[in-house]
Amino acid sequence: GGGNGGGWGGGNSNYTVTCSSNNNRQQSCNWDDRQGRPVLQQQLSGSACQEGRTWGYSRGNVWVSNGCRARFGTR
């Protein structure tokens, strides 16, 4: 056995959501409102992810479209 001593750095949350638009369709992913609004942390697709155009946020959901694939997190 044995415990794993993982250090937790700082008080900032590691909450992230990865959302992918397949076949250029719009896709919605659950987002926890208590985390505040999402920010794009890392673009995973070749297609551009532009807030308001190919991704956005609406109460409890982050959506992506036009092939945008990205990881969203808190600021």
N, C-alpha and C. Protein backbone atom coordinates (compact mmCIF):
# COMPACT_ATOMS: atom_id res chain seq x y z
N GLY A 1 0.81 -1.20 0.00
CA GLY A 1 0.00 0.00 0.00
C GLY A 1 0.84 1.23 0.00
N GLY A 2 0.45 2.18 0.84
CA GLY A 2 1.15 3.47 0.91
C GLY A 2 0.32 4.56 0.30
N GLY A 3 0.41 5.74 0.88
CA GLY A 3 -0.36 6.87 0.37
C GLY A 3 0.44 7.60 -0.70
N ASN A 4 -0.26 8.28 -1.58
CA ASN A 4 0.47 9.10 -2.53
C ASN A 4 0.46 10.54 -2.06
N GLY A 5 1.64 11.08 -1.81
CA GLY A 5 1.73 12.43 -1.28
C GLY A 5 1.75 13.44 -2.40
N GLY A 6 0.58 13.81 -2.87
CA GLY A 6 0.50 14.80 -3.93
C GLY A 6 0.35 16.19 -3.32
N GLY A 7 1.20 17.10 -3.73
CA GLY A 7 1.11 18.46 -3.20
C GLY A 7 0.09 19.26 -4.00
N TRP A 8 -0.75 19.99 -3.31
CA TRP A 8 -1.73 20.84 -3.98
C TRP A 8 -1.23 22.27 -3.92
N GLY A 9 -0.98 22.85 -5.09
CA GLY A 9 -0.40 24.18 -5.13
C GLY A 9 -1.45 25.27 -5.16
N GLY A 10 -1.38 26.18 -4.22
CA GLY A 10 -2.23 27.35 -4.26
C GLY A 10 -3.70 27.04 -4.05
N GLY A 11 -4.54 28.06 -4.12
CA GLY A 11 -5.96 27.87 -3.90
C GLY A 11 -6.74 27.89 -5.19
N ASN A 12 -6.04 27.98 -6.33
CA ASN A 12 -6.78 28.06 -7.59
C ASN A 12 -7.24 26.68 -8.02
N SER A 13 -8.44 26.61 -8.55
CA SER A 13 -9.04 25.34 -8.90
C SER A 13 -8.45 24.79 -10.18
N ASN A 14 -8.41 23.48 -10.28
CA ASN A 14 -7.91 22.84 -11.49
C ASN A 14 -9.06 22.37 -12.36
N TYR A 15 -10.21 23.02 -12.22
CA TYR A 15 -11.39 22.61 -12.97
C TYR A 15 -11.21 22.91 -14.45
N THR A 16 -11.34 21.88 -15.27
CA THR A 16 -11.29 22.08 -16.72
C THR A 16 -12.34 21.22 -17.40
N VAL A 17 -12.78 21.69 -18.55
CA VAL A 17 -13.73 20.95 -19.38
C VAL A 17 -13.18 20.95 -20.80
N THR A 18 -13.13 19.78 -21.41
CA THR A 18 -12.72 19.71 -22.81
C THR A 18 -13.96 19.50 -23.66
N CYS A 19 -14.12 20.34 -24.66
CA CYS A 19 -15.29 20.28 -25.51
C CYS A 19 -14.86 20.22 -26.97
N SER A 20 -15.48 19.33 -27.75
CA SER A 20 -15.06 19.11 -29.12
C SER A 20 -16.24 19.21 -30.08
N SER A 21 -16.04 19.97 -31.14
CA SER A 21 -17.02 20.04 -32.22
C SER A 21 -16.65 19.01 -33.28
N ASN A 22 -17.49 18.00 -33.43
CA ASN A 22 -17.24 16.96 -34.42
C ASN A 22 -18.04 17.24 -35.68
N ASN A 23 -17.41 16.98 -36.83
CA ASN A 23 -18.05 17.23 -38.12
C ASN A 23 -18.58 18.66 -38.22
N ASN A 24 -17.86 19.58 -37.62
CA ASN A 24 -18.22 21.00 -37.65
C ASN A 24 -19.59 21.29 -37.05
N ARG A 25 -20.11 20.37 -36.26
CA ARG A 25 -21.40 20.60 -35.62
C ARG A 25 -21.20 21.30 -34.29
N GLN A 26 -22.24 22.02 -33.88
CA GLN A 26 -22.17 22.65 -32.56
C GLN A 26 -22.37 21.60 -31.49
N GLN A 27 -21.56 21.69 -30.46
CA GLN A 27 -21.60 20.74 -29.36
C GLN A 27 -21.61 21.52 -28.05
N SER A 28 -22.48 21.12 -27.14
CA SER A 28 -22.51 21.75 -25.83
C SER A 28 -21.95 20.80 -24.78
N CYS A 29 -21.19 21.37 -23.85
CA CYS A 29 -20.64 20.58 -22.76
C CYS A 29 -21.02 21.23 -21.44
N ASN A 30 -21.25 20.39 -20.44
CA ASN A 30 -21.62 20.92 -19.13
C ASN A 30 -20.50 21.75 -18.53
N TRP A 31 -20.88 22.86 -17.93
CA TRP A 31 -19.94 23.71 -17.23
C TRP A 31 -20.52 24.04 -15.86
N ASP A 32 -19.70 23.92 -14.84
CA ASP A 32 -20.14 24.22 -13.48
C ASP A 32 -20.10 25.72 -13.24
N ASP A 33 -21.29 26.32 -13.15
CA ASP A 33 -21.41 27.77 -12.98
C ASP A 33 -20.63 28.31 -11.78
N ARG A 34 -20.49 27.48 -10.75
CA ARG A 34 -19.84 27.97 -9.54
C ARG A 34 -18.37 28.28 -9.77
N GLN A 35 -17.83 27.79 -10.90
CA GLN A 35 -16.42 28.03 -11.21
C GLN A 35 -16.21 29.39 -11.88
N GLY A 36 -17.30 30.10 -12.13
CA GLY A 36 -17.17 31.35 -12.87
C GLY A 36 -17.28 31.06 -14.36
N ARG A 37 -16.95 32.06 -15.18
CA ARG A 37 -17.08 31.81 -16.61
C ARG A 37 -15.80 31.17 -17.16
N PRO A 38 -15.96 30.31 -18.17
CA PRO A 38 -14.80 29.61 -18.70
C PRO A 38 -13.90 30.51 -19.53
N VAL A 39 -12.63 30.17 -19.54
CA VAL A 39 -11.68 30.81 -20.44
C VAL A 39 -10.98 29.71 -21.23
N LEU A 40 -10.63 30.00 -22.45
CA LEU A 40 -9.97 29.01 -23.29
C LEU A 40 -8.54 28.84 -22.78
N GLN A 41 -8.23 27.63 -22.33
CA GLN A 41 -6.89 27.38 -21.81
C GLN A 41 -5.97 26.82 -22.89
N GLN A 42 -6.50 25.88 -23.66
CA GLN A 42 -5.65 25.28 -24.69
C GLN A 42 -6.50 24.85 -25.88
N GLN A 43 -6.15 25.33 -27.05
CA GLN A 43 -6.83 24.91 -28.28
C GLN A 43 -6.23 23.59 -28.73
N LEU A 44 -7.10 22.61 -28.97
CA LEU A 44 -6.64 21.26 -29.32
C LEU A 44 -6.87 20.94 -30.79
N SER A 45 -7.54 21.84 -31.49
CA SER A 45 -7.92 21.58 -32.88
C SER A 45 -7.09 22.41 -33.84
N GLY A 46 -7.12 22.02 -35.10
CA GLY A 46 -6.50 22.83 -36.14
C GLY A 46 -7.37 24.04 -36.45
N SER A 47 -8.68 23.89 -36.24
CA SER A 47 -9.59 24.99 -36.50
C SER A 47 -9.51 26.01 -35.38
N ALA A 48 -9.67 27.27 -35.75
CA ALA A 48 -9.57 28.33 -34.77
C ALA A 48 -10.74 28.31 -33.80
N CYS A 49 -10.45 28.58 -32.54
CA CYS A 49 -11.48 28.73 -31.52
C CYS A 49 -11.54 30.21 -31.15
N GLN A 50 -12.60 30.87 -31.58
CA GLN A 50 -12.77 32.29 -31.30
C GLN A 50 -14.02 32.49 -30.48
N GLU A 51 -13.85 33.11 -29.31
CA GLU A 51 -15.00 33.32 -28.44
C GLU A 51 -16.05 34.16 -29.15
N GLY A 52 -17.29 33.74 -29.04
CA GLY A 52 -18.38 34.46 -29.67
C GLY A 52 -18.65 34.01 -31.11
N ARG A 53 -17.68 33.31 -31.69
CA ARG A 53 -17.86 32.82 -33.05
C ARG A 53 -17.89 31.30 -33.09
N THR A 54 -16.83 30.67 -32.60
CA THR A 54 -16.78 29.22 -32.65
C THR A 54 -16.83 28.58 -31.27
N TRP A 55 -16.89 29.41 -30.24
CA TRP A 55 -17.18 28.88 -28.92
C TRP A 55 -17.81 29.97 -28.08
N GLY A 56 -18.50 29.56 -27.04
CA GLY A 56 -19.16 30.53 -26.19
C GLY A 56 -19.67 29.88 -24.92
N TYR A 57 -20.25 30.71 -24.09
CA TYR A 57 -20.71 30.24 -22.79
C TYR A 57 -22.14 30.72 -22.56
N SER A 58 -22.97 29.79 -22.13
CA SER A 58 -24.30 30.18 -21.69
C SER A 58 -24.66 29.31 -20.49
N ARG A 59 -25.20 29.96 -19.49
CA ARG A 59 -25.53 29.33 -18.20
C ARG A 59 -25.40 27.80 -18.14
N GLY A 60 -24.33 27.35 -17.54
CA GLY A 60 -24.16 25.93 -17.29
C GLY A 60 -23.66 25.13 -18.48
N ASN A 61 -23.39 25.82 -19.58
CA ASN A 61 -22.90 25.12 -20.77
C ASN A 61 -21.83 25.93 -21.47
N VAL A 62 -20.82 25.22 -21.95
CA VAL A 62 -19.89 25.84 -22.89
C VAL A 62 -20.12 25.14 -24.23
N TRP A 63 -20.19 25.91 -25.31
CA TRP A 63 -20.45 25.31 -26.62
C TRP A 63 -19.30 25.61 -27.57
N VAL A 64 -19.11 24.67 -28.50
CA VAL A 64 -18.11 24.86 -29.55
C VAL A 64 -18.77 24.51 -30.88
N SER A 65 -18.24 25.06 -31.96
CA SER A 65 -18.76 24.77 -33.29
C SER A 65 -17.65 24.93 -34.33
N ASN A 66 -17.97 24.58 -35.57
CA ASN A 66 -17.03 24.74 -36.69
C ASN A 66 -15.69 24.06 -36.46
N GLY A 67 -15.71 22.90 -35.79
CA GLY A 67 -14.48 22.13 -35.64
C GLY A 67 -13.58 22.59 -34.51
N CYS A 68 -14.02 23.58 -33.75
CA CYS A 68 -13.22 24.00 -32.59
C CYS A 68 -13.19 22.90 -31.55
N ARG A 69 -11.99 22.62 -31.05
CA ARG A 69 -11.83 21.65 -29.98
C ARG A 69 -10.86 22.27 -28.99
N ALA A 70 -11.27 22.40 -27.75
CA ALA A 70 -10.44 23.13 -26.80
C ALA A 70 -10.70 22.68 -25.38
N ARG A 71 -9.73 22.98 -24.54
CA ARG A 71 -9.89 22.78 -23.11
C ARG A 71 -10.16 24.11 -22.47
N PHE A 72 -11.21 24.17 -21.69
CA PHE A 72 -11.60 25.39 -21.02
C PHE A 72 -11.38 25.23 -19.52
N GLY A 73 -10.97 26.30 -18.91
CA GLY A 73 -10.74 26.27 -17.48
C GLY A 73 -11.12 27.59 -16.86
N THR A 74 -10.71 27.75 -15.59
CA THR A 74 -10.99 28.99 -14.90
C THR A 74 -9.79 29.90 -15.03
N ARG A 75 -10.00 31.17 -14.88
CA ARG A 75 -8.94 32.15 -15.10
C ARG A 75 -7.83 32.00 -14.07
